[in-house]
Amino acid sequence: MTDTPETQGPPPPTVDPAGLTEIASGVWVIDDRRVPLVPNIGIVAGEDAVLVVDTGMGPANGATVLEAARKLAGERRLILTLTHFHPEHGYGAQAFKGEAEIFYNAAQRDELAEKGEAYLGMFKTFGPSVAEALEGTDLVMPDKVYDGSSAEIDLGGRTVVFRTWGLAHTKADQIVWLPQERILFTGDLAEERIFPIFPWFPPDDADLDAARWVEVLSDLEVLDPAIVVPGHGDIGGPEILKAVRTYMIDLAARVANERKAGKDADAIVAELGPVIRAEHPDWDAPEWIDFAIRYYSTIS
């Protein structure tokens, strides 16, 4: 039987260093090229150190990102941080072990320890190209973490702020904020023209709080970022945050109305899902619509 796109799964989730673009002086992004399961990766340089934001999926991608960062850093020390524990964002971290200080929040470390192996196994079922990218992946813990909601580091003439709000898209989503340049790395709290990823997999994983997620997006809009680097999709401005927040508020209200009319989750997915898709014809990853509807059906 000849393989079809359905049996092949998604394309290889390969980070392409040719996409490295300087978006501000000393701030680069390796863009995702809108390839599924490839994140936007940040590299932020100061006089003393260079920060890498996310690694891509698997050891080969991690090595690619490390090489790109090392070329830019020269003799400066490297720091790696991850926006959250999901495989496409952080399962290349092993390449950085011993080459960089790995730093993020304690709750994120704990979620990786709790769920990391299960997510590794789940992602390997997504298709041959994903399984191949994850071959040989070792989960590594950070060298240093911060407790509480925020931390700040000085790369040498450039301040970087890390902040988490607790349970939202995951238990410990972390944004990276450059206050002087007003550049925001959101991770999967915001994506550009991509339906928000609702990792709603009960009973295996039901750690999601969409109401807080909306509050986080509001807080991020208050920062008034000049540049928003979403977890996936094209780089833009605060309109990215607003689009995701508006979508979530609207979908929650519509699902609540359907629940009040006595419909169950299956019926709402069948009726509302195609409508939502038609309203956003230029958005990618429509498979996440159904997950979001089922989530909102449990709280409406």
Protein backbone atom coordinates (compact mmCIF):
# COMPACT_ATOMS: atom_id res chain seq x y z
CA MET A 1 0.00 0.00 0.00
CA THR A 2 1.30 3.43 -0.92
CA ASP A 3 1.66 5.77 2.03
CA THR A 4 -0.67 8.76 2.13
CA PRO A 5 -0.23 11.97 4.14
CA GLU A 6 -2.64 10.48 6.68
CA THR A 7 -0.48 7.38 7.21
CA GLN A 8 2.80 9.24 7.00
CA GLY A 9 1.89 11.75 9.68
CA PRO A 10 3.27 15.30 9.84
CA PRO A 11 6.42 16.39 7.98
CA PRO A 12 9.77 16.14 9.75
CA PRO A 13 9.79 18.62 12.66
CA THR A 14 13.18 19.99 11.65
CA VAL A 15 14.56 23.28 12.93
CA ASP A 16 16.10 25.13 9.98
CA PRO A 17 18.95 27.45 11.04
CA ALA A 18 18.66 29.20 7.68
CA GLY A 19 15.61 30.88 9.18
CA LEU A 20 17.74 32.77 11.70
CA THR A 21 16.63 36.42 11.61
CA GLU A 22 17.75 39.35 13.75
CA ILE A 23 14.54 41.02 14.92
CA ALA A 24 16.33 43.64 17.05
CA SER A 25 19.94 44.38 17.84
CA GLY A 26 21.30 41.22 19.45
CA VAL A 27 17.95 39.38 19.37
CA TRP A 28 17.43 36.59 16.85
CA VAL A 29 14.65 34.15 16.06
CA ILE A 30 14.91 30.86 14.19
CA ASP A 31 11.40 30.90 12.80
CA ASP A 32 9.22 27.82 12.60
CA ARG A 33 8.37 28.24 8.88
CA ARG A 34 4.83 27.25 9.96
CA VAL A 35 5.96 23.61 10.09
CA PRO A 36 3.92 21.57 12.59
CA LEU A 37 5.75 20.70 15.81
CA VAL A 38 8.52 23.22 15.17
CA PRO A 39 8.60 26.20 17.56
CA ASN A 40 9.93 29.69 17.13
CA ILE A 41 13.30 29.69 18.88
CA GLY A 42 14.87 32.79 20.41
CA ILE A 43 18.52 33.76 20.92
CA VAL A 44 19.16 36.85 23.03
CA ALA A 45 22.67 38.25 23.44
CA GLY A 46 24.14 40.40 26.16
CA GLU A 47 27.71 41.48 26.72
CA ASP A 48 28.40 38.59 29.10
CA ALA A 49 25.95 35.82 28.20
CA VAL A 50 23.58 34.59 25.52
CA LEU A 51 20.12 33.21 26.30
CA VAL A 52 18.42 30.54 24.16
CA VAL A 53 14.63 30.21 24.34
CA ASP A 54 13.46 26.65 23.46
CA THR A 55 15.31 23.93 21.56
CA GLY A 56 13.00 22.18 19.14
CA MET A 57 12.21 18.48 19.34
CA GLY A 58 14.84 15.81 19.84
CA PRO A 59 18.64 15.66 20.08
CA ALA A 60 19.39 16.59 16.46
CA ASN A 61 17.33 19.77 16.64
CA GLY A 62 18.85 20.61 20.00
CA ALA A 63 22.32 20.25 18.51
CA THR A 64 21.35 22.49 15.59
CA VAL A 65 20.13 25.22 17.93
CA LEU A 66 23.20 24.88 20.14
CA GLU A 67 25.48 25.30 17.12
CA ALA A 68 23.62 28.41 15.97
CA ALA A 69 23.75 29.90 19.47
CA ARG A 70 27.42 29.10 19.93
CA LYS A 71 28.33 30.83 16.66
CA LEU A 72 26.56 33.97 17.85
CA ALA A 73 27.85 33.75 21.42
CA GLY A 74 31.53 33.24 20.72
CA GLU A 75 33.21 33.02 24.12
CA ARG A 76 30.19 34.25 26.05
CA ARG A 77 28.48 31.75 28.33
CA LEU A 78 25.17 30.21 27.27
CA ILE A 79 21.91 29.98 29.20
CA LEU A 80 18.97 27.86 28.05
CA THR A 81 15.40 28.40 29.12
CA LEU A 82 12.19 26.65 28.01
CA THR A 83 8.74 28.17 27.72
CA HIS A 84 7.12 24.92 28.92
CA PHE A 85 7.76 21.19 29.07
CA HIS A 86 6.09 20.05 25.83
CA PRO A 87 8.34 17.98 23.53
CA GLU A 88 8.51 20.30 20.54
CA HIS A 89 9.75 23.12 22.76
CA GLY A 90 12.21 21.44 25.10
CA TYR A 91 13.07 17.86 24.16
CA GLY A 92 16.32 18.96 22.57
CA ALA A 93 17.74 20.20 25.86
CA GLN A 94 20.17 17.30 26.22
CA ALA A 95 22.42 18.94 23.63
CA PHE A 96 22.86 21.86 26.04
CA LYS A 97 23.67 19.80 29.12
CA GLY A 98 27.18 20.78 30.18
CA GLU A 99 27.34 23.43 27.44
CA ALA A 100 24.91 25.92 28.98
CA GLU A 101 23.20 26.65 32.26
CA ILE A 102 19.62 25.35 31.98
CA PHE A 103 17.29 27.68 33.89
CA TYR A 104 13.54 27.98 34.38
CA ASN A 105 10.87 27.76 37.06
CA ALA A 106 10.55 25.01 39.64
CA ALA A 107 6.98 24.08 38.70
CA GLN A 108 8.06 23.49 35.11
CA ARG A 109 10.82 21.18 36.30
CA ASP A 110 8.30 19.27 38.38
CA GLU A 111 5.85 18.94 35.50
CA LEU A 112 8.60 17.61 33.24
CA ALA A 113 9.53 15.04 35.90
CA GLU A 114 5.87 14.05 36.30
CA LYS A 115 4.78 13.87 32.65
CA GLY A 116 7.89 13.94 30.49
CA GLU A 117 8.19 10.23 29.72
CA ALA A 118 4.47 9.90 28.99
CA TYR A 119 4.58 12.80 26.54
CA LEU A 120 7.66 11.33 24.90
CA GLY A 121 5.78 8.11 24.29
CA MET A 122 2.65 9.89 23.11
CA PHE A 123 4.50 12.10 20.61
CA LYS A 124 6.26 9.07 19.14
CA THR A 125 2.83 7.86 17.97
CA PHE A 126 2.31 11.01 15.88
CA GLY A 127 4.04 9.56 12.81
CA PRO A 128 7.38 8.19 11.60
CA SER A 129 9.02 11.58 11.18
CA VAL A 130 8.20 12.59 14.76
CA ALA A 131 9.30 9.25 16.17
CA GLU A 132 12.57 9.56 14.28
CA ALA A 133 13.18 13.09 15.58
CA LEU A 134 12.65 11.86 19.15
CA GLU A 135 14.88 8.80 18.80
CA GLY A 136 17.57 8.88 21.47
CA THR A 137 15.92 11.66 23.48
CA ASP A 138 16.97 11.92 27.10
CA LEU A 139 14.98 14.13 29.41
CA VAL A 140 17.25 16.48 31.34
CA MET A 141 16.48 18.51 34.41
CA PRO A 142 17.51 22.17 34.79
CA ASP A 143 20.70 23.19 36.50
CA LYS A 144 18.95 26.01 38.30
CA VAL A 145 15.34 27.02 38.94
CA TYR A 146 13.48 29.91 40.49
CA ASP A 147 10.55 29.66 42.87
CA GLY A 148 7.63 32.05 42.77
CA SER A 149 6.16 33.92 39.84
CA SER A 150 9.18 35.67 38.34
CA ALA A 151 12.92 36.01 38.03
CA GLU A 152 15.28 38.43 36.36
CA ILE A 153 18.75 38.01 34.93
CA ASP A 154 21.28 40.41 33.46
CA LEU A 155 23.00 39.10 30.35
CA GLY A 156 25.35 42.07 30.48
CA GLY A 157 23.69 45.34 29.55
CA ARG A 158 20.44 43.54 28.74
CA THR A 159 17.80 42.55 31.28
CA VAL A 160 15.61 39.50 30.79
CA VAL A 161 12.49 38.85 32.85
CA PHE A 162 10.99 35.38 33.28
CA ARG A 163 7.42 35.09 34.51
CA THR A 164 4.92 32.34 35.19
CA TRP A 165 1.31 32.42 36.35
CA GLY A 166 0.85 28.77 37.29
CA LEU A 167 -1.72 26.56 35.62
CA ALA A 168 -2.87 27.86 32.23
CA HIS A 169 -1.87 26.08 28.98
CA THR A 170 0.34 23.86 31.20
CA LYS A 171 1.11 23.95 34.92
CA ALA A 172 4.03 26.32 34.49
CA ASP A 173 4.02 28.25 31.22
CA GLN A 174 6.85 30.78 31.20
CA ILE A 175 7.15 33.93 29.15
CA VAL A 176 10.43 35.65 28.39
CA TRP A 177 10.25 39.45 28.37
CA LEU A 178 12.87 41.96 27.28
CA PRO A 179 11.61 45.16 28.93
CA GLN A 180 14.07 47.53 27.29
CA GLU A 181 13.24 46.36 23.77
CA ARG A 182 9.61 45.39 24.61
CA ILE A 183 10.05 41.98 22.99
CA LEU A 184 7.89 39.14 24.28
CA PHE A 185 8.39 35.39 23.81
CA THR A 186 5.06 33.74 24.68
CA GLY A 187 5.56 30.03 24.16
CA ASP A 188 2.23 28.34 23.47
CA LEU A 189 0.24 30.86 25.46
CA ALA A 190 -0.14 32.60 22.09
CA GLU A 191 0.22 31.44 18.52
CA GLU A 192 -0.34 33.34 15.33
CA ARG A 193 -3.24 32.21 13.09
CA ILE A 194 -3.16 28.80 14.76
CA PHE A 195 -6.00 27.47 16.87
CA PRO A 196 -4.86 27.51 20.51
CA ILE A 197 -3.40 24.20 21.63
CA PHE A 198 -5.67 22.77 24.34
CA PRO A 199 -3.77 19.76 25.77
CA TRP A 200 -7.00 18.34 27.17
CA PHE A 201 -6.39 14.59 27.44
CA PRO A 202 -8.43 13.33 30.38
CA PRO A 203 -7.90 11.15 32.30
CA ASP A 204 -4.21 11.12 31.39
CA ASP A 205 -3.68 14.89 31.49
CA ALA A 206 -6.32 17.43 32.41
CA ASP A 207 -4.04 20.16 33.75
CA LEU A 208 -5.48 23.16 31.93
CA ASP A 209 -7.08 26.38 33.12
CA ALA A 210 -8.43 28.40 30.21
CA ALA A 211 -9.85 31.16 32.41
CA ARG A 212 -6.43 31.86 33.85
CA TRP A 213 -4.96 31.54 30.36
CA VAL A 214 -7.22 34.39 29.25
CA GLU A 215 -6.13 36.44 32.26
CA VAL A 216 -2.50 35.84 31.37
CA LEU A 217 -3.10 37.09 27.83
CA SER A 218 -4.68 40.22 29.27
CA ASP A 219 -1.65 40.75 31.49
CA LEU A 220 0.64 40.33 28.50
CA GLU A 221 -1.32 42.91 26.52
CA VAL A 222 -0.80 45.36 29.38
CA LEU A 223 2.95 45.02 28.84
CA ASP A 224 2.36 46.66 25.45
CA PRO A 225 4.99 44.63 23.61
CA ALA A 226 6.42 46.05 20.42
CA ILE A 227 7.26 42.57 19.11
CA VAL A 228 5.51 39.32 19.99
CA VAL A 229 7.27 36.05 19.20
CA PRO A 230 4.53 33.43 19.46
CA GLY A 231 5.17 29.79 20.23
CA HIS A 232 4.26 28.96 16.64
CA GLY A 233 3.40 31.12 13.64
CA ASP A 234 4.56 34.47 12.34
CA ILE A 235 6.13 37.16 14.49
CA GLY A 236 3.94 40.20 15.00
CA GLY A 237 2.66 42.55 17.67
CA PRO A 238 0.05 42.61 20.44
CA GLU A 239 -2.69 41.82 17.94
CA ILE A 240 -1.57 38.19 18.26
CA LEU A 241 -2.41 38.21 21.97
CA LYS A 242 -5.77 39.86 21.38
CA ALA A 243 -6.76 37.39 18.66
CA VAL A 244 -6.10 34.38 20.89
CA ARG A 245 -7.83 35.93 23.90
CA THR A 246 -10.89 36.94 21.87
CA TYR A 247 -11.18 33.48 20.33
CA MET A 248 -11.08 31.77 23.72
CA ILE A 249 -13.62 34.08 25.34
CA ASP A 250 -15.98 33.72 22.40
CA LEU A 251 -15.69 29.93 22.23
CA ALA A 252 -16.26 29.56 25.97
CA ALA A 253 -19.46 31.61 25.75
CA ARG A 254 -20.78 29.71 22.76
CA VAL A 255 -20.14 26.33 24.34
CA ALA A 256 -21.84 27.49 27.54
CA ASN A 257 -24.92 28.49 25.55
CA GLU A 258 -25.03 25.08 23.86
CA ARG A 259 -24.73 23.35 27.22
CA LYS A 260 -27.62 25.39 28.57
CA ALA A 261 -29.64 24.15 25.61
CA GLY A 262 -29.04 20.60 26.85
CA LYS A 263 -26.45 19.46 24.31
CA ASP A 264 -23.59 17.17 25.25
CA ALA A 265 -19.97 17.54 24.17
CA ASP A 266 -20.30 15.26 21.14
CA ALA A 267 -23.24 17.21 19.79
CA ILE A 268 -21.50 20.54 20.33
CA VAL A 269 -18.34 19.34 18.60
CA ALA A 270 -20.38 18.09 15.64
CA GLU A 271 -22.38 21.30 15.27
CA LEU A 272 -20.07 24.07 16.44
CA GLY A 273 -16.71 22.70 15.28
CA PRO A 274 -17.31 23.24 11.54
CA VAL A 275 -18.72 26.69 12.21
CA ILE A 276 -15.61 27.76 14.12
CA ARG A 277 -13.38 26.39 11.38
CA ALA A 278 -15.30 28.30 8.70
CA GLU A 279 -14.96 31.53 10.70
CA HIS A 280 -11.15 31.23 10.74
CA PRO A 281 -10.28 29.90 7.28
CA ASP A 282 -6.67 31.11 7.46
CA TRP A 283 -5.90 29.53 10.86
CA ASP A 284 -3.88 26.31 11.05
CA ALA A 285 -4.29 23.21 13.24
CA PRO A 286 -8.11 22.98 13.30
CA GLU A 287 -7.85 19.68 15.18
CA TRP A 288 -7.50 21.74 18.37
CA ILE A 289 -11.02 23.15 18.01
CA ASP A 290 -12.59 19.90 19.20
CA PHE A 291 -10.26 19.63 22.20
CA ALA A 292 -11.18 23.17 23.24
CA ILE A 293 -14.91 22.51 22.87
CA ARG A 294 -14.66 19.36 24.98
CA TYR A 295 -12.73 21.26 27.64
CA TYR A 296 -15.28 24.06 27.80
CA SER A 297 -18.08 21.47 27.89
CA THR A 298 -16.76 20.22 31.22
CA ILE A 299 -16.84 23.64 32.88
CA SER A 300 -19.97 25.18 31.32
